[in-house]
Amino acid sequence: MAGVHRVLLTHGTEQDIEAIYDYIAEFDAPTREQYVLEQMTTAAEKLAVLPKP
């Protein structure tokens, strides 16, 4: 049975995600930064639903 949990991103985590987004936009593929942000957001949201131990 799965439980639902709150997932909180710390200020430091938010800064890290922003830095990753900015890096991708500047040095990798400017059209890919939104995709990567969406993938990271989806991964964080999946943490909210965990199976019971």
PDB file of N, CA and C in Angstrom:
ATOM      1  N   MET A   1       0.857  -1.185   0.000  1.00  0.00           N
ATOM      2  CA  MET A   1       0.000   0.000   0.000  1.00  0.00           C
ATOM      3  C   MET A   1       0.892   1.234   0.000  1.00  0.00           C
ATOM      4  N   ALA A   2       0.586   2.183  -0.832  1.00  0.00           N
ATOM      5  CA  ALA A   2       1.394   3.391  -0.940  1.00  0.00           C
ATOM      6  C   ALA A   2       0.871   4.461   0.006  1.00  0.00           C
ATOM      7  N   GLY A   3       1.802   5.248   0.527  1.00  0.00           N
ATOM      8  CA  GLY A   3       1.451   6.386   1.356  1.00  0.00           C
ATOM      9  C   GLY A   3       1.766   7.667   0.600  1.00  0.00           C
ATOM     10  N   VAL A   4       1.073   8.724   0.951  1.00  0.00           N
ATOM     11  CA  VAL A   4       1.324  10.006   0.318  1.00  0.00           C
ATOM     12  C   VAL A   4       2.043  10.891   1.320  1.00  0.00           C
ATOM     13  N   HIS A   5       3.120  11.493   0.866  1.00  0.00           N
ATOM     14  CA  HIS A   5       3.954  12.324   1.725  1.00  0.00           C
ATOM     15  C   HIS A   5       4.137  13.690   1.097  1.00  0.00           C
ATOM     16  N   ARG A   6       4.397  14.679   1.916  1.00  0.00           N
ATOM     17  CA  ARG A   6       4.743  16.009   1.405  1.00  0.00           C
ATOM     18  C   ARG A   6       6.206  16.023   1.045  1.00  0.00           C
ATOM     19  N   VAL A   7       6.522  16.601  -0.074  1.00  0.00           N
ATOM     20  CA  VAL A   7       7.908  16.757  -0.493  1.00  0.00           C
ATOM     21  C   VAL A   7       8.207  18.253  -0.506  1.00  0.00           C
ATOM     22  N   LEU A   8       9.151  18.661   0.311  1.00  0.00           N
ATOM     23  CA  LEU A   8       9.524  20.064   0.390  1.00  0.00           C
ATOM     24  C   LEU A   8      10.911  20.252  -0.209  1.00  0.00           C
ATOM     25  N   LEU A   9      11.044  21.261  -1.032  1.00  0.00           N
ATOM     26  CA  LEU A   9      12.353  21.593  -1.580  1.00  0.00           C
ATOM     27  C   LEU A   9      12.939  22.727  -0.744  1.00  0.00           C
ATOM     28  N   THR A  10      14.129  22.518  -0.253  1.00  0.00           N
ATOM     29  CA  THR A  10      14.785  23.556   0.527  1.00  0.00           C
ATOM     30  C   THR A  10      15.200  24.704  -0.392  1.00  0.00           C
ATOM     31  N   HIS A  11      15.510  25.823   0.206  1.00  0.00           N
ATOM     32  CA  HIS A  11      15.972  26.975  -0.571  1.00  0.00           C
ATOM     33  C   HIS A  11      17.226  26.604  -1.361  1.00  0.00           C
ATOM     34  N   GLY A  12      18.111  25.849  -0.743  1.00  0.00           N
ATOM     35  CA  GLY A  12      19.330  25.415  -1.420  1.00  0.00           C
ATOM     36  C   GLY A  12      19.039  24.529  -2.619  1.00  0.00           C
ATOM     37  N   THR A  13      18.061  23.655  -2.473  1.00  0.00           N
ATOM     38  CA  THR A  13      17.670  22.788  -3.585  1.00  0.00           C
ATOM     39  C   THR A  13      17.109  23.614  -4.730  1.00  0.00           C
ATOM     40  N   GLU A  14      16.263  24.578  -4.404  1.00  0.00           N
ATOM     41  CA  GLU A  14      15.702  25.446  -5.436  1.00  0.00           C
ATOM     42  C   GLU A  14      16.812  26.209  -6.163  1.00  0.00           C
ATOM     43  N   GLN A  15      17.801  26.667  -5.417  1.00  0.00           N
ATOM     44  CA  GLN A  15      18.932  27.371  -6.037  1.00  0.00           C
ATOM     45  C   GLN A  15      19.720  26.436  -6.949  1.00  0.00           C
ATOM     46  N   ASP A  16      19.910  25.200  -6.519  1.00  0.00           N
ATOM     47  CA  ASP A  16      20.623  24.214  -7.342  1.00  0.00           C
ATOM     48  C   ASP A  16      19.874  23.943  -8.644  1.00  0.00           C
ATOM     49  N   ILE A  17      18.566  23.780  -8.541  1.00  0.00           N
ATOM     50  CA  ILE A  17      17.761  23.526  -9.740  1.00  0.00           C
ATOM     51  C   ILE A  17      17.829  24.723 -10.686  1.00  0.00           C
ATOM     52  N   GLU A  18      17.767  25.905 -10.132  1.00  0.00           N
ATOM     53  CA  GLU A  18      17.875  27.111 -10.958  1.00  0.00           C
ATOM     54  C   GLU A  18      19.240  27.190 -11.638  1.00  0.00           C
ATOM     55  N   ALA A  19      20.291  26.832 -10.915  1.00  0.00           N
ATOM     56  CA  ALA A  19      21.639  26.852 -11.491  1.00  0.00           C
ATOM     57  C   ALA A  19      21.771  25.822 -12.622  1.00  0.00           C
ATOM     58  N   ILE A  20      21.187  24.651 -12.443  1.00  0.00           N
ATOM     59  CA  ILE A  20      21.207  23.623 -13.491  1.00  0.00           C
ATOM     60  C   ILE A  20      20.464  24.138 -14.721  1.00  0.00           C
ATOM     61  N   TYR A  21      19.294  24.723 -14.504  1.00  0.00           N
ATOM     62  CA  TYR A  21      18.484  25.286 -15.588  1.00  0.00           C
ATOM     63  C   TYR A  21      19.292  26.335 -16.354  1.00  0.00           C
ATOM     64  N   ASP A  22      19.912  27.263 -15.627  1.00  0.00           N
ATOM     65  CA  ASP A  22      20.707  28.331 -16.254  1.00  0.00           C
ATOM     66  C   ASP A  22      21.895  27.763 -17.023  1.00  0.00           C
ATOM     67  N   TYR A  23      22.554  26.754 -16.456  1.00  0.00           N
ATOM     68  CA  TYR A  23      23.709  26.151 -17.117  1.00  0.00           C
ATOM     69  C   TYR A  23      23.299  25.511 -18.443  1.00  0.00           C
ATOM     70  N   ILE A  24      22.204  24.757 -18.411  1.00  0.00           N
ATOM     71  CA  ILE A  24      21.733  24.101 -19.636  1.00  0.00           C
ATOM     72  C   ILE A  24      21.384  25.159 -20.687  1.00  0.00           C
ATOM     73  N   ALA A  25      20.698  26.208 -20.260  1.00  0.00           N
ATOM     74  CA  ALA A  25      20.295  27.260 -21.190  1.00  0.00           C
ATOM     75  C   ALA A  25      21.500  27.940 -21.828  1.00  0.00           C
ATOM     76  N   GLU A  26      22.555  28.123 -21.042  1.00  0.00           N
ATOM     77  CA  GLU A  26      23.725  28.843 -21.542  1.00  0.00           C
ATOM     78  C   GLU A  26      24.708  27.964 -22.305  1.00  0.00           C
ATOM     79  N   PHE A  27      24.989  26.760 -21.791  1.00  0.00           N
ATOM     80  CA  PHE A  27      26.089  25.963 -22.330  1.00  0.00           C
ATOM     81  C   PHE A  27      25.675  24.703 -23.088  1.00  0.00           C
ATOM     82  N   ASP A  28      24.444  24.268 -22.924  1.00  0.00           N
ATOM     83  CA  ASP A  28      24.049  23.025 -23.578  1.00  0.00           C
ATOM     84  C   ASP A  28      23.088  23.333 -24.719  1.00  0.00           C
ATOM     85  N   ALA A  29      21.843  23.114 -24.503  1.00  0.00           N
ATOM     86  CA  ALA A  29      20.848  23.342 -25.548  1.00  0.00           C
ATOM     87  C   ALA A  29      19.738  24.220 -24.980  1.00  0.00           C
ATOM     88  N   PRO A  30      19.705  25.467 -25.391  1.00  0.00           N
ATOM     89  CA  PRO A  30      18.721  26.399 -24.823  1.00  0.00           C
ATOM     90  C   PRO A  30      17.270  25.911 -24.904  1.00  0.00           C
ATOM     91  N   THR A  31      16.970  25.056 -25.837  1.00  0.00           N
ATOM     92  CA  THR A  31      15.595  24.554 -25.929  1.00  0.00           C
ATOM     93  C   THR A  31      15.346  23.379 -24.992  1.00  0.00           C
ATOM     94  N   ARG A  32      16.373  22.868 -24.356  1.00  0.00           N
ATOM     95  CA  ARG A  32      16.233  21.673 -23.504  1.00  0.00           C
ATOM     96  C   ARG A  32      16.059  22.006 -22.029  1.00  0.00           C
ATOM     97  N   GLU A  33      16.332  23.230 -21.619  1.00  0.00           N
ATOM     98  CA  GLU A  33      16.291  23.520 -20.187  1.00  0.00           C
ATOM     99  C   GLU A  33      14.903  23.303 -19.596  1.00  0.00           C
ATOM    100  N   GLN A  34      13.846  23.633 -20.339  1.00  0.00           N
ATOM    101  CA  GLN A  34      12.488  23.438 -19.834  1.00  0.00           C
ATOM    102  C   GLN A  34      12.180  21.957 -19.676  1.00  0.00           C
ATOM    103  N   TYR A  35      12.636  21.151 -20.629  1.00  0.00           N
ATOM    104  CA  TYR A  35      12.431  19.699 -20.558  1.00  0.00           C
ATOM    105  C   TYR A  35      13.097  19.126 -19.300  1.00  0.00           C
ATOM    106  N   VAL A  36      14.328  19.531 -19.054  1.00  0.00           N
ATOM    107  CA  VAL A  36      15.052  19.024 -17.888  1.00  0.00           C
ATOM    108  C   VAL A  36      14.360  19.476 -16.604  1.00  0.00           C
ATOM    109  N   LEU A  37      13.911  20.715 -16.559  1.00  0.00           N
ATOM    110  CA  LEU A  37      13.196  21.211 -15.385  1.00  0.00           C
ATOM    111  C   LEU A  37      11.935  20.384 -15.140  1.00  0.00           C
ATOM    112  N   GLU A  38      11.199  20.085 -16.195  1.00  0.00           N
ATOM    113  CA  GLU A  38       9.993  19.267 -16.062  1.00  0.00           C
ATOM    114  C   GLU A  38      10.329  17.862 -15.566  1.00  0.00           C
ATOM    115  N   GLN A  39      11.419  17.287 -16.044  1.00  0.00           N
ATOM    116  CA  GLN A  39      11.826  15.956 -15.595  1.00  0.00           C
ATOM    117  C   GLN A  39      12.201  15.961 -14.118  1.00  0.00           C
ATOM    118  N   MET A  40      12.904  16.989 -13.668  1.00  0.00           N
ATOM    119  CA  MET A  40      13.280  17.087 -12.252  1.00  0.00           C
ATOM    120  C   MET A  40      12.041  17.289 -11.386  1.00  0.00           C
ATOM    121  N   THR A  41      11.106  18.085 -11.849  1.00  0.00           N
ATOM    122  CA  THR A  41       9.866  18.320 -11.106  1.00  0.00           C
ATOM    123  C   THR A  41       9.059  17.032 -10.993  1.00  0.00           C
ATOM    124  N   THR A  42       8.965  16.297 -12.081  1.00  0.00           N
ATOM    125  CA  THR A  42       8.243  15.021 -12.075  1.00  0.00           C
ATOM    126  C   THR A  42       8.890  14.040 -11.098  1.00  0.00           C
ATOM    127  N   ALA A  43      10.209  13.992 -11.092  1.00  0.00           N
ATOM    128  CA  ALA A  43      10.913  13.087 -10.176  1.00  0.00           C
ATOM    129  C   ALA A  43      10.631  13.466  -8.725  1.00  0.00           C
ATOM    130  N   ALA A  44      10.636  14.758  -8.421  1.00  0.00           N
ATOM    131  CA  ALA A  44      10.356  15.203  -7.049  1.00  0.00           C
ATOM    132  C   ALA A  44       8.919  14.867  -6.661  1.00  0.00           C
ATOM    133  N   GLU A  45       7.994  15.047  -7.586  1.00  0.00           N
ATOM    134  CA  GLU A  45       6.591  14.719  -7.297  1.00  0.00           C
ATOM    135  C   GLU A  45       6.409  13.227  -7.027  1.00  0.00           C
ATOM    136  N   LYS A  46       7.164  12.390  -7.704  1.00  0.00           N
ATOM    137  CA  LYS A  46       7.054  10.940  -7.489  1.00  0.00           C
ATOM    138  C   LYS A  46       7.535  10.531  -6.099  1.00  0.00           C
ATOM    139  N   LEU A  47       8.378  11.354  -5.492  1.00  0.00           N
ATOM    140  CA  LEU A  47       8.835  11.067  -4.132  1.00  0.00           C
ATOM    141  C   LEU A  47       7.683  11.123  -3.130  1.00  0.00           C
ATOM    142  N   ALA A  48       6.626  11.841  -3.484  1.00  0.00           N
ATOM    143  CA  ALA A  48       5.490  11.993  -2.573  1.00  0.00           C
ATOM    144  C   ALA A  48       4.726  10.690  -2.369  1.00  0.00           C
ATOM    145  N   VAL A  49       4.834   9.774  -3.312  1.00  0.00           N
ATOM    146  CA  VAL A  49       4.110   8.510  -3.218  1.00  0.00           C
ATOM    147  C   VAL A  49       5.140   7.387  -3.061  1.00  0.00           C
ATOM    148  N   LEU A  50       5.225   6.890  -1.873  1.00  0.00           N
ATOM    149  CA  LEU A  50       6.184   5.847  -1.555  1.00  0.00           C
ATOM    150  C   LEU A  50       5.466   4.607  -1.036  1.00  0.00           C
ATOM    151  N   PRO A  51       5.962   3.427  -1.334  1.00  0.00           N
ATOM    152  CA  PRO A  51       5.350   2.236  -0.763  1.00  0.00           C
ATOM    153  C   PRO A  51       5.622   2.164   0.738  1.00  0.00           C
ATOM    154  N   LYS A  52       4.683   1.586   1.452  1.00  0.00           N
ATOM    155  CA  LYS A  52       4.885   1.391   2.883  1.00  0.00           C
ATOM    156  C   LYS A  52       6.011   0.382   3.106  1.00  0.00           C
ATOM    157  N   PRO A  53       6.833   0.602   4.128  1.00  0.00           N
ATOM    158  CA  PRO A  53       7.914  -0.362   4.409  1.00  0.00           C
ATOM    159  C   PRO A  53       7.376  -1.688   4.888  1.00  0.00           C
TER     160      PRO A  53
END
